[in-house]
Protein backbone atom coordinates (compact mmCIF):
# COMPACT_ATOMS: atom_id res chain seq x y z
CA ALA A 1 0.00 0.00 0.00
CA GLU A 2 2.83 2.39 0.90
CA ALA A 3 4.62 1.65 -2.37
CA ALA A 4 1.41 2.10 -4.36
CA GLN A 5 0.75 5.42 -2.63
CA ASN A 6 4.28 6.60 -3.43
CA MET A 7 3.79 5.69 -7.08
CA VAL A 8 0.47 7.52 -7.32
CA LEU A 9 1.46 10.62 -5.37
CA HIS A 10 4.93 11.13 -6.79
CA SER A 11 5.97 9.16 -9.88
CA ILE A 12 2.99 9.93 -12.06
CA THR A 13 2.96 13.65 -11.27
CA ARG A 14 6.69 14.16 -11.92
CA SER A 15 8.21 15.02 -15.27
CA HIS A 16 10.73 12.78 -16.99
CA GLU A 17 13.57 15.17 -16.05
CA GLU A 18 12.59 15.09 -12.38
CA ASN A 19 12.48 11.29 -12.46
CA LEU A 20 15.97 11.17 -13.98
CA GLU A 21 17.26 13.57 -11.35
CA ARG A 22 15.82 11.51 -8.50
CA TYR A 23 17.06 8.28 -10.05
CA GLU A 24 20.57 9.77 -10.06
CA ILE A 25 20.20 10.56 -6.34
CA TRP A 26 19.09 6.94 -5.73
CA ARG A 27 22.05 5.61 -7.75
CA THR A 28 24.78 7.75 -6.18
CA ASN A 29 23.37 8.33 -2.65
CA PRO A 30 25.24 11.68 -2.28
CA PHE A 31 24.16 12.19 1.36
CA SER A 32 25.22 8.67 2.48
CA GLU A 33 21.73 7.88 3.77
CA SER A 34 20.30 4.52 4.77
CA ALA A 35 18.11 2.63 2.28
CA ASP A 36 14.90 3.73 4.03
CA GLU A 37 15.99 7.39 4.19
CA LEU A 38 17.04 7.30 0.54
CA ARG A 39 13.77 5.64 -0.47
CA ASP A 40 11.84 8.35 1.35
CA ARG A 41 13.89 11.06 -0.39
CA VAL A 42 13.35 9.81 -3.96
CA LYS A 43 9.72 8.77 -3.37
CA GLY A 44 8.82 5.99 -5.77
CA ILE A 45 11.88 5.67 -8.00
CA SER A 46 12.70 2.50 -6.09
CA ALA A 47 9.66 1.64 -3.99
CA LYS A 48 9.31 -1.42 -1.77
CA PRO A 49 8.04 -4.42 -3.78
CA PHE A 50 4.29 -5.09 -3.83
CA LEU A 51 4.85 -8.83 -3.36
CA GLU A 52 7.68 -10.66 -1.68
CA THR A 53 8.36 -14.01 -3.35
CA GLN A 54 10.37 -17.03 -2.23
CA PRO A 55 11.67 -19.85 -4.43
CA THR A 56 9.36 -22.86 -4.25
CA LEU A 57 8.61 -25.98 -6.24
CA ASP A 58 5.70 -28.34 -6.84
CA ALA A 59 6.93 -31.94 -6.94
CA LEU A 60 4.34 -33.18 -9.48
CA HIS A 61 4.92 -30.37 -11.97
CA CYS A 62 8.66 -30.70 -11.44
CA ASP A 63 8.36 -34.34 -12.57
CA ILE A 64 6.22 -33.35 -15.56
CA GLY A 65 8.45 -30.44 -16.62
CA ASN A 66 11.65 -32.46 -16.39
CA ALA A 67 10.14 -35.49 -18.14
CA THR A 68 9.06 -33.21 -21.00
CA GLU A 69 12.66 -32.07 -21.32
CA PHE A 70 14.06 -35.63 -21.22
CA TYR A 71 11.52 -36.63 -23.90
CA LYS A 72 13.05 -33.94 -26.14
CA ILE A 73 16.62 -34.99 -25.26
CA PHE A 74 15.78 -38.59 -26.24
CA GLN A 75 14.56 -37.39 -29.65
CA ASP A 76 17.69 -35.26 -30.15
CA GLU A 77 19.96 -38.18 -29.28
CA ILE A 78 18.14 -40.54 -31.66
CA GLY A 79 18.71 -37.98 -34.42
CA GLU A 80 22.31 -37.19 -33.36
CA VAL A 81 21.52 -33.47 -33.19
CA TYR A 82 24.94 -32.80 -31.60
CA GLN A 83 26.41 -33.38 -35.09
CA LYS A 84 23.84 -31.33 -37.02
CA VAL A 85 23.42 -27.58 -37.50
CA SER A 86 19.66 -27.16 -37.92
CA PRO A 87 17.62 -30.32 -38.57
CA SER A 88 14.42 -29.99 -40.59
CA ARG A 89 10.93 -30.31 -39.16
CA GLU A 90 10.45 -33.59 -41.06
CA GLU A 91 13.59 -35.06 -39.48
CA ARG A 92 12.39 -34.08 -36.01
CA ARG A 93 8.98 -35.64 -36.69
CA SER A 94 10.63 -38.90 -37.73
CA TRP A 95 12.73 -39.01 -34.52
CA ARG A 96 9.64 -38.43 -32.39
CA ALA A 97 7.74 -41.15 -34.25
CA ALA A 98 10.64 -43.57 -33.73
CA LEU A 99 10.78 -42.74 -30.00
CA ASP A 100 7.00 -43.14 -29.55
CA LYS A 101 7.06 -46.48 -31.39
CA GLN A 102 9.95 -47.77 -29.24
CA LEU A 103 8.35 -46.66 -25.96
CA ARG A 104 5.05 -48.27 -26.96
CA LYS A 105 6.81 -51.50 -27.91
CA LYS A 106 9.18 -51.79 -24.92
CA MET A 107 7.31 -49.93 -22.16
CA LYS A 108 3.66 -50.17 -23.27
CA LEU A 109 3.65 -46.35 -23.16
CA LYS A 110 1.10 -44.83 -25.52
CA PRO A 111 2.00 -41.40 -26.96
CA VAL A 112 0.36 -38.44 -25.21
CA MET A 113 -0.46 -35.01 -26.60
CA ARG A 114 0.59 -33.36 -23.33
CA MET A 115 2.91 -34.76 -20.67
CA ASN A 116 1.12 -36.00 -17.54
CA GLY A 117 2.23 -37.38 -14.17
CA ASN A 118 1.70 -41.07 -14.98
CA TYR A 119 3.61 -40.86 -18.27
CA ALA A 120 6.39 -38.84 -16.58
CA ARG A 121 6.84 -41.46 -13.84
CA ARG A 122 7.18 -44.26 -16.40
CA LEU A 123 9.47 -42.28 -18.69
CA MET A 124 11.93 -41.27 -15.96
CA THR A 125 13.30 -44.77 -15.32
CA LEU A 126 16.44 -46.71 -16.24
CA GLU A 127 14.19 -49.15 -18.11
CA ALA A 128 12.98 -46.35 -20.39
CA VAL A 129 16.55 -45.13 -20.99
CA GLU A 130 17.65 -48.63 -21.99
CA ALA A 131 14.77 -48.77 -24.48
CA VAL A 132 15.81 -45.40 -25.93
CA CYS A 133 19.49 -46.42 -26.04
CA GLU A 134 18.61 -49.15 -28.55
CA LEU A 135 17.92 -46.32 -31.03
CA VAL A 136 20.98 -44.20 -30.15
CA PRO A 137 23.80 -44.97 -32.63
CA THR A 138 26.97 -44.57 -30.49
CA GLU A 139 27.94 -46.18 -27.18
CA GLU A 140 29.43 -42.92 -25.88
CA ARG A 141 26.08 -41.10 -26.23
CA ARG A 142 24.20 -44.07 -24.77
CA GLU A 143 26.41 -44.01 -21.66
CA ALA A 144 25.90 -40.24 -21.30
CA LEU A 145 22.11 -40.74 -21.33
CA ARG A 146 22.37 -43.51 -18.74
CA GLU A 147 24.48 -41.34 -16.44
CA LEU A 148 22.09 -38.40 -16.82
CA MET A 149 19.16 -40.59 -15.77
CA ARG A 150 21.10 -42.24 -12.92
CA LEU A 151 21.93 -38.81 -11.47
CA TYR A 152 18.33 -37.67 -11.88
CA LEU A 153 17.01 -40.75 -10.08
CA GLN A 154 19.50 -40.12 -7.25
CA MET A 155 18.13 -36.59 -6.83
CA LYS A 156 14.42 -37.31 -7.31
CA PRO A 157 13.66 -38.90 -3.88
CA VAL A 158 14.81 -35.67 -2.20
CA TRP A 159 11.98 -33.56 -3.62
CA ARG A 160 9.42 -36.41 -3.61
CA ALA A 161 9.89 -37.53 0.01
CA THR A 162 7.52 -36.27 2.71
CA CYS A 163 10.45 -35.90 5.10
CA PRO A 164 13.73 -36.21 3.15
CA ALA A 165 15.97 -35.79 6.21
CA LYS A 166 14.52 -39.06 7.59
CA GLU A 167 13.53 -40.96 4.43
CA CYS A 168 16.58 -40.37 2.21
CA PRO A 169 19.36 -38.67 4.23
CA ASP A 170 22.13 -40.06 1.98
CA GLN A 171 20.60 -38.63 -1.20
CA LEU A 172 19.98 -35.34 0.60
CA CYS A 173 23.67 -35.15 1.61
CA ARG A 174 24.81 -35.95 -1.94
CA TYR A 175 22.28 -33.65 -3.61
CA SER A 176 24.64 -30.74 -4.27
CA PHE A 177 27.31 -33.05 -5.68
CA ASN A 178 24.81 -34.89 -7.92
CA SER A 179 23.18 -31.68 -9.14
CA GLN A 180 26.59 -30.19 -9.98
CA ARG A 181 27.56 -33.30 -11.95
CA PHE A 182 24.18 -33.22 -13.73
CA ALA A 183 24.68 -29.54 -14.65
CA ASP A 184 28.23 -30.28 -15.88
CA LEU A 185 26.88 -33.01 -18.15
CA LEU A 186 24.26 -30.67 -19.61
CA SER A 187 26.83 -27.94 -20.28
CA THR A 188 29.36 -30.29 -21.92
CA THR A 189 27.96 -33.49 -23.44
CA PHE A 190 24.56 -31.89 -24.12
CA LYS A 191 25.91 -28.44 -24.90
CA TYR A 192 24.09 -28.39 -28.25
CA ARG A 193 20.83 -28.07 -26.27
CA TYR A 194 21.92 -26.24 -23.10
CA ASN A 195 24.52 -23.71 -24.20
CA GLY A 196 23.92 -21.05 -21.54
CA LYS A 197 20.18 -21.82 -21.37
CA ILE A 198 18.16 -24.12 -19.14
CA THR A 199 14.45 -24.71 -18.54
CA ASN A 200 12.67 -23.31 -15.50
CA TYR A 201 12.07 -26.67 -13.79
CA LEU A 202 15.56 -28.02 -14.47
CA HIS A 203 16.99 -24.83 -12.95
CA LYS A 204 14.80 -25.14 -9.84
CA THR A 205 15.64 -28.84 -9.55
CA LEU A 206 19.38 -28.24 -9.72
CA ALA A 207 19.73 -24.94 -7.87
CA HIS A 208 16.94 -24.51 -5.31
CA VAL A 209 15.85 -27.88 -3.87
CA PRO A 210 18.24 -27.92 -0.85
CA GLU A 211 17.39 -24.35 0.23
CA ILE A 212 13.62 -25.00 -0.07
CA ILE A 213 13.94 -28.16 2.04
CA GLU A 214 16.07 -26.32 4.59
CA ARG A 215 13.38 -23.63 4.82
CA ASP A 216 10.20 -25.77 4.65
CA GLY A 217 11.40 -29.25 5.65
CA SER A 218 9.88 -30.89 2.58
CA ILE A 219 8.76 -30.43 -1.01
CA GLY A 220 6.99 -33.75 -1.58
CA ALA A 221 4.63 -33.20 1.38
CA TRP A 222 2.93 -30.39 -0.57
CA ALA A 223 2.83 -32.17 -3.96
CA SER A 224 -0.30 -31.49 -6.00
CA GLU A 225 -1.32 -35.09 -6.85
CA GLY A 226 -4.09 -34.73 -4.25
CA ASN A 227 -5.44 -31.61 -5.93
CA GLU A 228 -5.31 -33.28 -9.35
CA SER A 229 -7.19 -36.38 -8.17
CA ALA A 230 -9.78 -34.15 -6.47
CA ASN A 231 -10.44 -32.52 -9.87
CA LYS A 232 -11.45 -35.92 -11.24
CA LEU A 233 -13.75 -36.55 -8.27
CA PHE A 234 -15.38 -33.13 -8.57
CA ARG A 235 -16.03 -33.66 -12.27
CA ARG A 236 -17.79 -36.94 -11.45
CA PHE A 237 -19.80 -35.44 -8.60
CA ARG A 238 -20.90 -32.49 -10.74
CA LYS A 239 -22.01 -34.84 -13.50
CA MET A 240 -23.68 -37.58 -11.44
CA ASN A 241 -24.71 -35.99 -8.13
CA ALA A 242 -25.80 -32.44 -8.90
CA ARG A 243 -28.36 -30.46 -10.87
CA GLN A 244 -27.01 -29.94 -14.39
CA SER A 245 -26.73 -26.18 -14.18
CA LYS A 246 -23.72 -23.92 -13.76
CA ALA A 247 -25.64 -22.00 -11.12
CA PHE A 248 -26.31 -25.03 -8.90
CA GLU A 249 -23.78 -27.80 -9.62
CA LEU A 250 -21.03 -26.55 -7.26
CA GLU A 251 -23.58 -25.63 -4.60
CA ASP A 252 -25.04 -29.15 -4.73
CA VAL A 253 -21.60 -30.79 -4.49
CA LEU A 254 -20.12 -28.63 -1.73
CA LYS A 255 -23.11 -28.11 0.58
């Protein structure tokens, strides 16, 4: 509220030149004032944030996001993208078709339009990697894929456990080492895909899991599988146990 008031009372009514002048005061702090005194002097150039955020992670969507990324890595390795400059769309389609066919044959995994929790759990296994490795041409790349998955499976219990300090203390202790090795692999062997870039969930998985657990005690305890399964129940209740009207169906289910 204070920040919003500052913005309304001061920033909007000032000219561009005045804003520049006050920004320069904020940048140089010529009177050696504290942050609060300086903030009060410049009024709105650097106001307190409206929302304070903390890094956090949902275990289910972490699984889904990372499995989506591995699904793409598998396709790239089948097509040996590390040797190519810019493969065509047709080539990429053929690699995906080959991967889907192999996973259906070896894992009984039917292709999905959008990654879901059940598919992600089946895909992120050593069994799935071995199936994919049958389509990867060189042993060196096959071994890199196996190591990537082994490291991932070493880290996964830490964010899935309800109480990692009790349930998987060894993996928790080794987490930083494993995540560093995982990141090194991405930036070297898989550099063609992760040259200075990384997806949101992979970043959170590698960089923020220990600090979140230190702060909250767990990540897996708050996983959203319960919410997702409740959605299915609510759909059934609205269809079978309520008046078929938008105005009444939730009222009938929840009252």
